[in-house]
Amino acid sequence: MNTDKIYAEQLANEYTPKDTSKVIALRKLDKKAKLPATVFTYTFGIIAALVAGVGMCLSMKIIGSGTTAMFVLGVIVGIIGLLGMGVNYPIYKKLLARSKQKYAFEIMELAKEISEK
């Protein structure tokens, strides 16, 4: 097998102009379908982690007055933050499935056009 010839063909393929407007459109549609779920998940996850951190700080008497009521409040706030982190992934999966369903027809039609060439 002539590896030089294979390498030359691969290199030539990189530099040849390609009509990939449909492929680019397909990638954009895919990103458009996934972006809202991803943005929500990161935002919600960060907020839930911060809430859990505030709860830990309250319960360890780092912030607040250090009374028993603040300790209990810190435990409750920490649990709320942990629950938020726990439900983040299932919410992401549902949002992603809904978004994929919304764009499924367009993506499938474009992918079918590309694969038939």
PDB file of N, CA and C in Angstrom:
ATOM      1  N   MET A   1       0.840  -1.177   0.000  1.00  0.00           N
ATOM      2  CA  MET A   1       0.000   0.000   0.000  1.00  0.00           C
ATOM      3  C   MET A   1       0.889   1.245   0.000  1.00  0.00           C
ATOM      4  N   ASN A   2       0.550   2.182  -0.828  1.00  0.00           N
ATOM      5  CA  ASN A   2       1.351   3.377  -0.980  1.00  0.00           C
ATOM      6  C   ASN A   2       0.828   4.451  -0.024  1.00  0.00           C
ATOM      7  N   THR A   3       1.507   4.610   1.098  1.00  0.00           N
ATOM      8  CA  THR A   3       1.056   5.567   2.101  1.00  0.00           C
ATOM      9  C   THR A   3       1.242   7.011   1.658  1.00  0.00           C
ATOM     10  N   ASP A   4       2.243   7.247   0.815  1.00  0.00           N
ATOM     11  CA  ASP A   4       2.452   8.609   0.308  1.00  0.00           C
ATOM     12  C   ASP A   4       1.268   9.069  -0.532  1.00  0.00           C
ATOM     13  N   LYS A   5       0.742   8.167  -1.333  1.00  0.00           N
ATOM     14  CA  LYS A   5      -0.404   8.496  -2.183  1.00  0.00           C
ATOM     15  C   LYS A   5      -1.645   8.781  -1.322  1.00  0.00           C
ATOM     16  N   ILE A   6      -1.861   7.968  -0.292  1.00  0.00           N
ATOM     17  CA  ILE A   6      -2.998   8.169   0.606  1.00  0.00           C
ATOM     18  C   ILE A   6      -2.883   9.502   1.326  1.00  0.00           C
ATOM     19  N   TYR A   7      -1.675   9.798   1.799  1.00  0.00           N
ATOM     20  CA  TYR A   7      -1.441  11.070   2.489  1.00  0.00           C
ATOM     21  C   TYR A   7      -1.687  12.246   1.553  1.00  0.00           C
ATOM     22  N   ALA A   8      -1.215  12.131   0.328  1.00  0.00           N
ATOM     23  CA  ALA A   8      -1.391  13.216  -0.646  1.00  0.00           C
ATOM     24  C   ALA A   8      -2.872  13.436  -0.953  1.00  0.00           C
ATOM     25  N   GLU A   9      -3.634  12.352  -1.063  1.00  0.00           N
ATOM     26  CA  GLU A   9      -5.070  12.486  -1.323  1.00  0.00           C
ATOM     27  C   GLU A   9      -5.789  13.138  -0.149  1.00  0.00           C
ATOM     28  N   GLN A  10      -5.432  12.754   1.060  1.00  0.00           N
ATOM     29  CA  GLN A  10      -6.041  13.359   2.249  1.00  0.00           C
ATOM     30  C   GLN A  10      -5.729  14.846   2.322  1.00  0.00           C
ATOM     31  N   LEU A  11      -4.504  15.190   2.038  1.00  0.00           N
ATOM     32  CA  LEU A  11      -4.095  16.590   2.071  1.00  0.00           C
ATOM     33  C   LEU A  11      -4.809  17.385   0.983  1.00  0.00           C
ATOM     34  N   ALA A  12      -4.933  16.805  -0.193  1.00  0.00           N
ATOM     35  CA  ALA A  12      -5.645  17.482  -1.277  1.00  0.00           C
ATOM     36  C   ALA A  12      -7.117  17.670  -0.927  1.00  0.00           C
ATOM     37  N   ASN A  13      -7.719  16.700  -0.266  1.00  0.00           N
ATOM     38  CA  ASN A  13      -9.123  16.817   0.144  1.00  0.00           C
ATOM     39  C   ASN A  13      -9.343  17.936   1.145  1.00  0.00           C
ATOM     40  N   GLU A  14      -8.344  18.195   1.963  1.00  0.00           N
ATOM     41  CA  GLU A  14      -8.457  19.287   2.937  1.00  0.00           C
ATOM     42  C   GLU A  14      -8.517  20.644   2.262  1.00  0.00           C
ATOM     43  N   TYR A  15      -7.823  20.792   1.154  1.00  0.00           N
ATOM     44  CA  TYR A  15      -7.705  22.093   0.514  1.00  0.00           C
ATOM     45  C   TYR A  15      -8.681  22.309  -0.637  1.00  0.00           C
ATOM     46  N   THR A  16      -9.406  21.299  -1.029  1.00  0.00           N
ATOM     47  CA  THR A  16     -10.365  21.489  -2.112  1.00  0.00           C
ATOM     48  C   THR A  16     -11.613  22.181  -1.578  1.00  0.00           C
ATOM     49  N   PRO A  17     -12.168  23.085  -2.362  1.00  0.00           N
ATOM     50  CA  PRO A  17     -13.394  23.749  -1.907  1.00  0.00           C
ATOM     51  C   PRO A  17     -14.539  22.745  -1.860  1.00  0.00           C
ATOM     52  N   LYS A  18     -15.319  22.848  -0.813  1.00  0.00           N
ATOM     53  CA  LYS A  18     -16.405  21.897  -0.608  1.00  0.00           C
ATOM     54  C   LYS A  18     -17.726  22.641  -0.564  1.00  0.00           C
ATOM     55  N   ASP A  19     -18.738  21.995  -1.068  1.00  0.00           N
ATOM     56  CA  ASP A  19     -20.089  22.534  -0.973  1.00  0.00           C
ATOM     57  C   ASP A  19     -20.743  21.891   0.245  1.00  0.00           C
ATOM     58  N   THR A  20     -20.455  22.433   1.412  1.00  0.00           N
ATOM     59  CA  THR A  20     -20.956  21.839   2.648  1.00  0.00           C
ATOM     60  C   THR A  20     -21.976  22.734   3.329  1.00  0.00           C
ATOM     61  N   SER A  21     -22.666  23.519   2.535  1.00  0.00           N
ATOM     62  CA  SER A  21     -23.631  24.418   3.155  1.00  0.00           C
ATOM     63  C   SER A  21     -24.730  23.641   3.877  1.00  0.00           C
ATOM     64  N   LYS A  22     -25.109  22.493   3.343  1.00  0.00           N
ATOM     65  CA  LYS A  22     -26.136  21.681   4.000  1.00  0.00           C
ATOM     66  C   LYS A  22     -25.604  21.054   5.287  1.00  0.00           C
ATOM     67  N   VAL A  23     -24.340  20.658   5.259  1.00  0.00           N
ATOM     68  CA  VAL A  23     -23.741  20.092   6.463  1.00  0.00           C
ATOM     69  C   VAL A  23     -23.637  21.167   7.546  1.00  0.00           C
ATOM     70  N   ILE A  24     -23.235  22.354   7.142  1.00  0.00           N
ATOM     71  CA  ILE A  24     -23.142  23.460   8.100  1.00  0.00           C
ATOM     72  C   ILE A  24     -24.524  23.790   8.654  1.00  0.00           C
ATOM     73  N   ALA A  25     -25.532  23.796   7.796  1.00  0.00           N
ATOM     74  CA  ALA A  25     -26.899  24.048   8.247  1.00  0.00           C
ATOM     75  C   ALA A  25     -27.365  22.968   9.215  1.00  0.00           C
ATOM     76  N   LEU A  26     -26.974  21.727   8.949  1.00  0.00           N
ATOM     77  CA  LEU A  26     -27.332  20.623   9.837  1.00  0.00           C
ATOM     78  C   LEU A  26     -26.674  20.784  11.204  1.00  0.00           C
ATOM     79  N   ARG A  27     -25.417  21.175  11.210  1.00  0.00           N
ATOM     80  CA  ARG A  27     -24.719  21.411  12.484  1.00  0.00           C
ATOM     81  C   ARG A  27     -25.355  22.556  13.253  1.00  0.00           C
ATOM     82  N   LYS A  28     -25.731  23.617  12.543  1.00  0.00           N
ATOM     83  CA  LYS A  28     -26.375  24.752  13.203  1.00  0.00           C
ATOM     84  C   LYS A  28     -27.713  24.352  13.799  1.00  0.00           C
ATOM     85  N   LEU A  29     -28.474  23.553  13.074  1.00  0.00           N
ATOM     86  CA  LEU A  29     -29.748  23.080  13.611  1.00  0.00           C
ATOM     87  C   LEU A  29     -29.541  22.213  14.839  1.00  0.00           C
ATOM     88  N   ASP A  30     -28.510  21.375  14.808  1.00  0.00           N
ATOM     89  CA  ASP A  30     -28.215  20.527  15.958  1.00  0.00           C
ATOM     90  C   ASP A  30     -27.851  21.369  17.174  1.00  0.00           C
ATOM     91  N   LYS A  31     -27.009  22.374  16.970  1.00  0.00           N
ATOM     92  CA  LYS A  31     -26.647  23.271  18.070  1.00  0.00           C
ATOM     93  C   LYS A  31     -27.858  24.035  18.576  1.00  0.00           C
ATOM     94  N   LYS A  32     -28.697  24.474  17.630  1.00  0.00           N
ATOM     95  CA  LYS A  32     -29.897  25.222  17.989  1.00  0.00           C
ATOM     96  C   LYS A  32     -30.844  24.360  18.826  1.00  0.00           C
ATOM     97  N   ALA A  33     -30.877  23.075  18.557  1.00  0.00           N
ATOM     98  CA  ALA A  33     -31.733  22.166  19.309  1.00  0.00           C
ATOM     99  C   ALA A  33     -31.188  21.908  20.714  1.00  0.00           C
ATOM    100  N   LYS A  34     -29.875  21.856  20.848  1.00  0.00           N
ATOM    101  CA  LYS A  34     -29.268  21.503  22.131  1.00  0.00           C
ATOM    102  C   LYS A  34     -28.955  22.694  23.027  1.00  0.00           C
ATOM    103  N   LEU A  35     -28.835  23.875  22.467  1.00  0.00           N
ATOM    104  CA  LEU A  35     -28.387  25.038  23.240  1.00  0.00           C
ATOM    105  C   LEU A  35     -29.306  25.421  24.399  1.00  0.00           C
ATOM    106  N   PRO A  36     -30.619  25.521  24.220  1.00  0.00           N
ATOM    107  CA  PRO A  36     -31.450  25.942  25.354  1.00  0.00           C
ATOM    108  C   PRO A  36     -31.349  25.009  26.556  1.00  0.00           C
ATOM    109  N   ALA A  37     -31.322  23.705  26.320  1.00  0.00           N
ATOM    110  CA  ALA A  37     -31.208  22.752  27.422  1.00  0.00           C
ATOM    111  C   ALA A  37     -29.862  22.889  28.117  1.00  0.00           C
ATOM    112  N   THR A  38     -28.811  23.090  27.349  1.00  0.00           N
ATOM    113  CA  THR A  38     -27.472  23.215  27.926  1.00  0.00           C
ATOM    114  C   THR A  38     -27.346  24.483  28.762  1.00  0.00           C
ATOM    115  N   VAL A  39     -27.842  25.585  28.241  1.00  0.00           N
ATOM    116  CA  VAL A  39     -27.765  26.856  28.974  1.00  0.00           C
ATOM    117  C   VAL A  39     -28.554  26.764  30.273  1.00  0.00           C
ATOM    118  N   PHE A  40     -29.761  26.212  30.198  1.00  0.00           N
ATOM    119  CA  PHE A  40     -30.562  26.079  31.413  1.00  0.00           C
ATOM    120  C   PHE A  40     -29.862  25.197  32.431  1.00  0.00           C
ATOM    121  N   THR A  41     -29.298  24.077  31.975  1.00  0.00           N
ATOM    122  CA  THR A  41     -28.665  23.139  32.894  1.00  0.00           C
ATOM    123  C   THR A  41     -27.473  23.753  33.609  1.00  0.00           C
ATOM    124  N   TYR A  42     -26.625  24.446  32.865  1.00  0.00           N
ATOM    125  CA  TYR A  42     -25.481  25.083  33.513  1.00  0.00           C
ATOM    126  C   TYR A  42     -25.930  26.164  34.488  1.00  0.00           C
ATOM    127  N   THR A  43     -26.876  26.974  34.091  1.00  0.00           N
ATOM    128  CA  THR A  43     -27.353  28.050  34.952  1.00  0.00           C
ATOM    129  C   THR A  43     -27.989  27.494  36.220  1.00  0.00           C
ATOM    130  N   PHE A  44     -28.907  26.548  36.053  1.00  0.00           N
ATOM    131  CA  PHE A  44     -29.589  25.963  37.198  1.00  0.00           C
ATOM    132  C   PHE A  44     -28.608  25.226  38.100  1.00  0.00           C
ATOM    133  N   GLY A  45     -27.645  24.522  37.521  1.00  0.00           N
ATOM    134  CA  GLY A  45     -26.653  23.794  38.314  1.00  0.00           C
ATOM    135  C   GLY A  45     -25.770  24.724  39.135  1.00  0.00           C
ATOM    136  N   ILE A  46     -25.361  25.824  38.527  1.00  0.00           N
ATOM    137  CA  ILE A  46     -24.533  26.793  39.259  1.00  0.00           C
ATOM    138  C   ILE A  46     -25.315  27.414  40.397  1.00  0.00           C
ATOM    139  N   ILE A  47     -26.551  27.789  40.133  1.00  0.00           N
ATOM    140  CA  ILE A  47     -27.384  28.391  41.181  1.00  0.00           C
ATOM    141  C   ILE A  47     -27.627  27.391  42.306  1.00  0.00           C
ATOM    142  N   ALA A  48     -27.928  26.132  41.964  1.00  0.00           N
ATOM    143  CA  ALA A  48     -28.160  25.118  42.990  1.00  0.00           C
ATOM    144  C   ALA A  48     -26.901  24.876  43.825  1.00  0.00           C
ATOM    145  N   ALA A  49     -25.739  24.875  43.184  1.00  0.00           N
ATOM    146  CA  ALA A  49     -24.487  24.689  43.925  1.00  0.00           C
ATOM    147  C   ALA A  49     -24.228  25.861  44.867  1.00  0.00           C
ATOM    148  N   LEU A  50     -24.525  27.067  44.402  1.00  0.00           N
ATOM    149  CA  LEU A  50     -24.348  28.235  45.270  1.00  0.00           C
ATOM    150  C   LEU A  50     -25.311  28.205  46.452  1.00  0.00           C
ATOM    151  N   VAL A  51     -26.544  27.773  46.217  1.00  0.00           N
ATOM    152  CA  VAL A  51     -27.516  27.659  47.315  1.00  0.00           C
ATOM    153  C   VAL A  51     -27.034  26.619  48.318  1.00  0.00           C
ATOM    154  N   ALA A  52     -26.533  25.488  47.842  1.00  0.00           N
ATOM    155  CA  ALA A  52     -25.999  24.468  48.749  1.00  0.00           C
ATOM    156  C   ALA A  52     -24.803  25.010  49.537  1.00  0.00           C
ATOM    157  N   GLY A  53     -23.970  25.795  48.883  1.00  0.00           N
ATOM    158  CA  GLY A  53     -22.814  26.387  49.572  1.00  0.00           C
ATOM    159  C   GLY A  53     -23.225  27.374  50.642  1.00  0.00           C
ATOM    160  N   VAL A  54     -24.244  28.177  50.350  1.00  0.00           N
ATOM    161  CA  VAL A  54     -24.748  29.116  51.364  1.00  0.00           C
ATOM    162  C   VAL A  54     -25.308  28.336  52.545  1.00  0.00           C
ATOM    163  N   GLY A  55     -26.014  27.261  52.259  1.00  0.00           N
ATOM    164  CA  GLY A  55     -26.546  26.429  53.347  1.00  0.00           C
ATOM    165  C   GLY A  55     -25.439  25.837  54.197  1.00  0.00           C
ATOM    166  N   MET A  56     -24.370  25.379  53.569  1.00  0.00           N
ATOM    167  CA  MET A  56     -23.246  24.827  54.337  1.00  0.00           C
ATOM    168  C   MET A  56     -22.581  25.916  55.175  1.00  0.00           C
ATOM    169  N   CYS A  57     -22.444  27.093  54.597  1.00  0.00           N
ATOM    170  CA  CYS A  57     -21.825  28.190  55.348  1.00  0.00           C
ATOM    171  C   CYS A  57     -22.685  28.583  56.554  1.00  0.00           C
ATOM    172  N   LEU A  58     -23.982  28.603  56.365  1.00  0.00           N
ATOM    173  CA  LEU A  58     -24.874  28.918  57.491  1.00  0.00           C
ATOM    174  C   LEU A  58     -24.796  27.844  58.573  1.00  0.00           C
ATOM    175  N   SER A  59     -24.781  26.593  58.174  1.00  0.00           N
ATOM    176  CA  SER A  59     -24.769  25.515  59.165  1.00  0.00           C
ATOM    177  C   SER A  59     -23.423  25.385  59.869  1.00  0.00           C
ATOM    178  N   MET A  60     -22.345  25.822  59.240  1.00  0.00           N
ATOM    179  CA  MET A  60     -21.027  25.756  59.879  1.00  0.00           C
ATOM    180  C   MET A  60     -20.664  27.059  60.584  1.00  0.00           C
ATOM    181  N   LYS A  61     -21.611  27.952  60.660  1.00  0.00           N
ATOM    182  CA  LYS A  61     -21.472  29.223  61.379  1.00  0.00           C
ATOM    183  C   LYS A  61     -20.397  30.136  60.786  1.00  0.00           C
ATOM    184  N   ILE A  62     -20.188  30.010  59.479  1.00  0.00           N
ATOM    185  CA  ILE A  62     -19.244  30.897  58.810  1.00  0.00           C
ATOM    186  C   ILE A  62     -19.925  32.229  58.527  1.00  0.00           C
ATOM    187  N   ILE A  63     -21.184  32.162  58.082  1.00  0.00           N
ATOM    188  CA  ILE A  63     -21.986  33.373  57.922  1.00  0.00           C
ATOM    189  C   ILE A  63     -23.203  33.242  58.827  1.00  0.00           C
ATOM    190  N   GLY A  64     -23.790  34.344  59.160  1.00  0.00           N
ATOM    191  CA  GLY A  64     -24.945  34.326  60.043  1.00  0.00           C
ATOM    192  C   GLY A  64     -24.526  34.537  61.489  1.00  0.00           C
ATOM    193  N   SER A  65     -25.519  34.480  62.362  1.00  0.00           N
ATOM    194  CA  SER A  65     -25.256  34.782  63.774  1.00  0.00           C
ATOM    195  C   SER A  65     -24.736  33.595  64.560  1.00  0.00           C
ATOM    196  N   GLY A  66     -24.816  32.390  64.029  1.00  0.00           N
ATOM    197  CA  GLY A  66     -24.285  31.222  64.717  1.00  0.00           C
ATOM    198  C   GLY A  66     -25.253  30.604  65.700  1.00  0.00           C
ATOM    199  N   THR A  67     -26.498  31.000  65.668  1.00  0.00           N
ATOM    200  CA  THR A  67     -27.494  30.429  66.579  1.00  0.00           C
ATOM    201  C   THR A  67     -27.998  29.100  66.027  1.00  0.00           C
ATOM    202  N   THR A  68     -28.767  28.417  66.848  1.00  0.00           N
ATOM    203  CA  THR A  68     -29.343  27.142  66.449  1.00  0.00           C
ATOM    204  C   THR A  68     -30.321  27.320  65.293  1.00  0.00           C
ATOM    205  N   ALA A  69     -31.054  28.421  65.308  1.00  0.00           N
ATOM    206  CA  ALA A  69     -32.007  28.692  64.230  1.00  0.00           C
ATOM    207  C   ALA A  69     -31.276  28.861  62.898  1.00  0.00           C
ATOM    208  N   MET A  70     -30.136  29.529  62.929  1.00  0.00           N
ATOM    209  CA  MET A  70     -29.353  29.693  61.699  1.00  0.00           C
ATOM    210  C   MET A  70     -28.779  28.361  61.235  1.00  0.00           C
ATOM    211  N   PHE A  71     -28.408  27.491  62.189  1.00  0.00           N
ATOM    212  CA  PHE A  71     -27.915  26.164  61.832  1.00  0.00           C
ATOM    213  C   PHE A  71     -28.998  25.370  61.117  1.00  0.00           C
ATOM    214  N   VAL A  72     -30.204  25.384  61.688  1.00  0.00           N
ATOM    215  CA  VAL A  72     -31.321  24.665  61.081  1.00  0.00           C
ATOM    216  C   VAL A  72     -31.646  25.250  59.710  1.00  0.00           C
ATOM    217  N   LEU A  73     -31.653  26.572  59.605  1.00  0.00           N
ATOM    218  CA  LEU A  73     -31.897  27.227  58.329  1.00  0.00           C
ATOM    219  C   LEU A  73     -30.828  26.827  57.305  1.00  0.00           C
ATOM    220  N   GLY A  74     -29.586  26.745  57.753  1.00  0.00           N
ATOM    221  CA  GLY A  74     -28.495  26.343  56.866  1.00  0.00           C
ATOM    222  C   GLY A  74     -28.657  24.924  56.356  1.00  0.00           C
ATOM    223  N   VAL A  75     -29.098  24.025  57.229  1.00  0.00           N
ATOM    224  CA  VAL A  75     -29.322  22.641  56.809  1.00  0.00           C
ATOM    225  C   VAL A  75     -30.452  22.590  55.778  1.00  0.00           C
ATOM    226  N   ILE A  76     -31.523  23.328  56.044  1.00  0.00           N
ATOM    227  CA  ILE A  76     -32.655  23.341  55.111  1.00  0.00           C
ATOM    228  C   ILE A  76     -32.242  23.929  53.766  1.00  0.00           C
ATOM    229  N   VAL A  77     -31.535  25.048  53.792  1.00  0.00           N
ATOM    230  CA  VAL A  77     -31.087  25.676  52.542  1.00  0.00           C
ATOM    231  C   VAL A  77     -30.114  24.755  51.808  1.00  0.00           C
ATOM    232  N   GLY A  78     -29.230  24.090  52.528  1.00  0.00           N
ATOM    233  CA  GLY A  78     -28.291  23.152  51.904  1.00  0.00           C
ATOM    234  C   GLY A  78     -29.007  21.990  51.236  1.00  0.00           C
ATOM    235  N   ILE A  79     -30.033  21.462  51.903  1.00  0.00           N
ATOM    236  CA  ILE A  79     -30.797  20.357  51.317  1.00  0.00           C
ATOM    237  C   ILE A  79     -31.527  20.814  50.059  1.00  0.00           C
ATOM    238  N   ILE A  80     -32.066  22.021  50.087  1.00  0.00           N
ATOM    239  CA  ILE A  80     -32.728  22.557  48.888  1.00  0.00           C
ATOM    240  C   ILE A  80     -31.726  22.651  47.730  1.00  0.00           C
ATOM    241  N   GLY A  81     -30.512  23.122  48.007  1.00  0.00           N
ATOM    242  CA  GLY A  81     -29.479  23.200  46.979  1.00  0.00           C
ATOM    243  C   GLY A  81     -29.080  21.831  46.451  1.00  0.00           C
ATOM    244  N   LEU A  82     -28.967  20.858  47.344  1.00  0.00           N
ATOM    245  CA  LEU A  82     -28.622  19.498  46.917  1.00  0.00           C
ATOM    246  C   LEU A  82     -29.741  18.881  46.089  1.00  0.00           C
ATOM    247  N   LEU A  83     -30.989  19.141  46.469  1.00  0.00           N
ATOM    248  CA  LEU A  83     -32.110  18.653  45.667  1.00  0.00           C
ATOM    249  C   LEU A  83     -32.103  19.292  44.281  1.00  0.00           C
ATOM    250  N   GLY A  84     -31.776  20.574  44.215  1.00  0.00           N
ATOM    251  CA  GLY A  84     -31.678  21.248  42.928  1.00  0.00           C
ATOM    252  C   GLY A  84     -30.620  20.618  42.043  1.00  0.00           C
ATOM    253  N   MET A  85     -29.484  20.285  42.642  1.00  0.00           N
ATOM    254  CA  MET A  85     -28.436  19.618  41.862  1.00  0.00           C
ATOM    255  C   MET A  85     -28.871  18.222  41.448  1.00  0.00           C
ATOM    256  N   GLY A  86     -29.656  17.563  42.283  1.00  0.00           N
ATOM    257  CA  GLY A  86     -30.107  16.211  41.976  1.00  0.00           C
ATOM    258  C   GLY A  86     -31.102  16.147  40.834  1.00  0.00           C
ATOM    259  N   VAL A  87     -31.965  17.142  40.732  1.00  0.00           N
ATOM    260  CA  VAL A  87     -32.979  17.120  39.674  1.00  0.00           C
ATOM    261  C   VAL A  87     -32.492  17.795  38.394  1.00  0.00           C
ATOM    262  N   ASN A  88     -31.308  18.345  38.413  1.00  0.00           N
ATOM    263  CA  ASN A  88     -30.800  19.070  37.258  1.00  0.00           C
ATOM    264  C   ASN A  88     -30.682  18.178  36.022  1.00  0.00           C
ATOM    265  N   TYR A  89     -30.124  16.996  36.166  1.00  0.00           N
ATOM    266  CA  TYR A  89     -29.932  16.121  35.009  1.00  0.00           C
ATOM    267  C   TYR A  89     -31.255  15.615  34.428  1.00  0.00           C
ATOM    268  N   PRO A  90     -32.202  15.156  35.246  1.00  0.00           N
ATOM    269  CA  PRO A  90     -33.492  14.763  34.659  1.00  0.00           C
ATOM    270  C   PRO A  90     -34.200  15.917  33.946  1.00  0.00           C
ATOM    271  N   ILE A  91     -34.100  17.118  34.482  1.00  0.00           N
ATOM    272  CA  ILE A  91     -34.694  18.278  33.805  1.00  0.00           C
ATOM    273  C   ILE A  91     -33.988  18.508  32.475  1.00  0.00           C
ATOM    274  N   TYR A  92     -32.670  18.378  32.461  1.00  0.00           N
ATOM    275  CA  TYR A  92     -31.908  18.536  31.225  1.00  0.00           C
ATOM    276  C   TYR A  92     -32.362  17.532  30.169  1.00  0.00           C
ATOM    277  N   LYS A  93     -32.516  16.282  30.572  1.00  0.00           N
ATOM    278  CA  LYS A  93     -32.927  15.256  29.613  1.00  0.00           C
ATOM    279  C   LYS A  93     -34.306  15.557  29.033  1.00  0.00           C
ATOM    280  N   LYS A  94     -35.230  16.034  29.871  1.00  0.00           N
ATOM    281  CA  LYS A  94     -36.573  16.354  29.375  1.00  0.00           C
ATOM    282  C   LYS A  94     -36.538  17.556  28.433  1.00  0.00           C
ATOM    283  N   LEU A  95     -35.789  18.589  28.803  1.00  0.00           N
ATOM    284  CA  LEU A  95     -35.680  19.762  27.933  1.00  0.00           C
ATOM    285  C   LEU A  95     -35.030  19.408  26.608  1.00  0.00           C
ATOM    286  N   LEU A  96     -33.997  18.578  26.652  1.00  0.00           N
ATOM    287  CA  LEU A  96     -33.306  18.172  25.435  1.00  0.00           C
ATOM    288  C   LEU A  96     -34.218  17.338  24.544  1.00  0.00           C
ATOM    289  N   ALA A  97     -34.984  16.434  25.137  1.00  0.00           N
ATOM    290  CA  ALA A  97     -35.902  15.612  24.340  1.00  0.00           C
ATOM    291  C   ALA A  97     -36.977  16.475  23.689  1.00  0.00           C
ATOM    292  N   ARG A  98     -37.496  17.444  24.423  1.00  0.00           N
ATOM    293  CA  ARG A  98     -38.507  18.340  23.867  1.00  0.00           C
ATOM    294  C   ARG A  98     -37.932  19.177  22.727  1.00  0.00           C
ATOM    295  N   SER A  99     -36.727  19.666  22.914  1.00  0.00           N
ATOM    296  CA  SER A  99     -36.089  20.488  21.900  1.00  0.00           C
ATOM    297  C   SER A  99     -35.741  19.657  20.664  1.00  0.00           C
ATOM    298  N   LYS A 100     -35.269  18.425  20.868  1.00  0.00           N
ATOM    299  CA  LYS A 100     -34.961  17.552  19.737  1.00  0.00           C
ATOM    300  C   LYS A 100     -36.229  17.217  18.964  1.00  0.00           C
ATOM    301  N   GLN A 101     -37.318  17.007  19.683  1.00  0.00           N
ATOM    302  CA  GLN A 101     -38.582  16.710  19.030  1.00  0.00           C
ATOM    303  C   GLN A 101     -39.045  17.893  18.189  1.00  0.00           C
ATOM    304  N   LYS A 102     -38.787  19.092  18.677  1.00  0.00           N
ATOM    305  CA  LYS A 102     -39.184  20.308  17.967  1.00  0.00           C
ATOM    306  C   LYS A 102     -38.455  20.442  16.631  1.00  0.00           C
ATOM    307  N   TYR A 103     -37.172  20.104  16.598  1.00  0.00           N
ATOM    308  CA  TYR A 103     -36.358  20.262  15.399  1.00  0.00           C
ATOM    309  C   TYR A 103     -36.137  18.957  14.638  1.00  0.00           C
ATOM    310  N   ALA A 104     -36.755  17.875  15.061  1.00  0.00           N
ATOM    311  CA  ALA A 104     -36.488  16.567  14.471  1.00  0.00           C
ATOM    312  C   ALA A 104     -36.817  16.519  12.986  1.00  0.00           C
ATOM    313  N   PHE A 105     -37.946  17.071  12.596  1.00  0.00           N
ATOM    314  CA  PHE A 105     -38.352  16.990  11.197  1.00  0.00           C
ATOM    315  C   PHE A 105     -37.349  17.702  10.300  1.00  0.00           C
ATOM    316  N   GLU A 106     -36.958  18.921  10.676  1.00  0.00           N
ATOM    317  CA  GLU A 106     -36.012  19.688   9.863  1.00  0.00           C
ATOM    318  C   GLU A 106     -34.662  18.977   9.764  1.00  0.00           C
ATOM    319  N   ILE A 107     -34.197  18.459  10.880  1.00  0.00           N
ATOM    320  CA  ILE A 107     -32.898  17.787  10.903  1.00  0.00           C
ATOM    321  C   ILE A 107     -32.938  16.511  10.073  1.00  0.00           C
ATOM    322  N   MET A 108     -34.017  15.747  10.192  1.00  0.00           N
ATOM    323  CA  MET A 108     -34.127  14.502   9.430  1.00  0.00           C
ATOM    324  C   MET A 108     -34.212  14.767   7.930  1.00  0.00           C
ATOM    325  N   GLU A 109     -34.949  15.789   7.537  1.00  0.00           N
ATOM    326  CA  GLU A 109     -35.050  16.114   6.108  1.00  0.00           C
ATOM    327  C   GLU A 109     -33.693  16.540   5.547  1.00  0.00           C
ATOM    328  N   LEU A 110     -32.993  17.385   6.290  1.00  0.00           N
ATOM    329  CA  LEU A 110     -31.685  17.847   5.831  1.00  0.00           C
ATOM    330  C   LEU A 110     -30.681  16.704   5.790  1.00  0.00           C
ATOM    331  N   ALA A 111     -30.716  15.841   6.799  1.00  0.00           N
ATOM    332  CA  ALA A 111     -29.806  14.699   6.822  1.00  0.00           C
ATOM    333  C   ALA A 111     -30.113  13.734   5.682  1.00  0.00           C
ATOM    334  N   LYS A 112     -31.379  13.583   5.359  1.00  0.00           N
ATOM    335  CA  LYS A 112     -31.763  12.718   4.244  1.00  0.00           C
ATOM    336  C   LYS A 112     -31.243  13.289   2.924  1.00  0.00           C
ATOM    337  N   GLU A 113     -31.340  14.621   2.749  1.00  0.00           N
ATOM    338  CA  GLU A 113     -30.831  15.259   1.539  1.00  0.00           C
ATOM    339  C   GLU A 113     -29.322  15.062   1.393  1.00  0.00           C
ATOM    340  N   ILE A 114     -28.610  15.201   2.501  1.00  0.00           N
ATOM    341  CA  ILE A 114     -27.151  15.057   2.486  1.00  0.00           C
ATOM    342  C   ILE A 114     -26.760  13.612   2.173  1.00  0.00           C
ATOM    343  N   SER A 115     -27.443  12.662   2.773  1.00  0.00           N
ATOM    344  CA  SER A 115     -27.056  11.263   2.588  1.00  0.00           C
ATOM    345  C   SER A 115     -27.422  10.733   1.200  1.00  0.00           C
ATOM    346  N   GLU A 116     -28.385  11.358   0.524  1.00  0.00           N
ATOM    347  CA  GLU A 116     -28.764  10.900  -0.808  1.00  0.00           C
ATOM    348  C   GLU A 116     -27.815  11.356  -1.896  1.00  0.00           C
ATOM    349  N   LYS A 117     -26.964  12.313  -1.600  1.00  0.00           N
ATOM    350  CA  LYS A 117     -26.010  12.798  -2.612  1.00  0.00           C
ATOM    351  C   LYS A 117     -25.003  11.755  -2.961  1.00  0.00           C
TER     352      LYS A 117
END
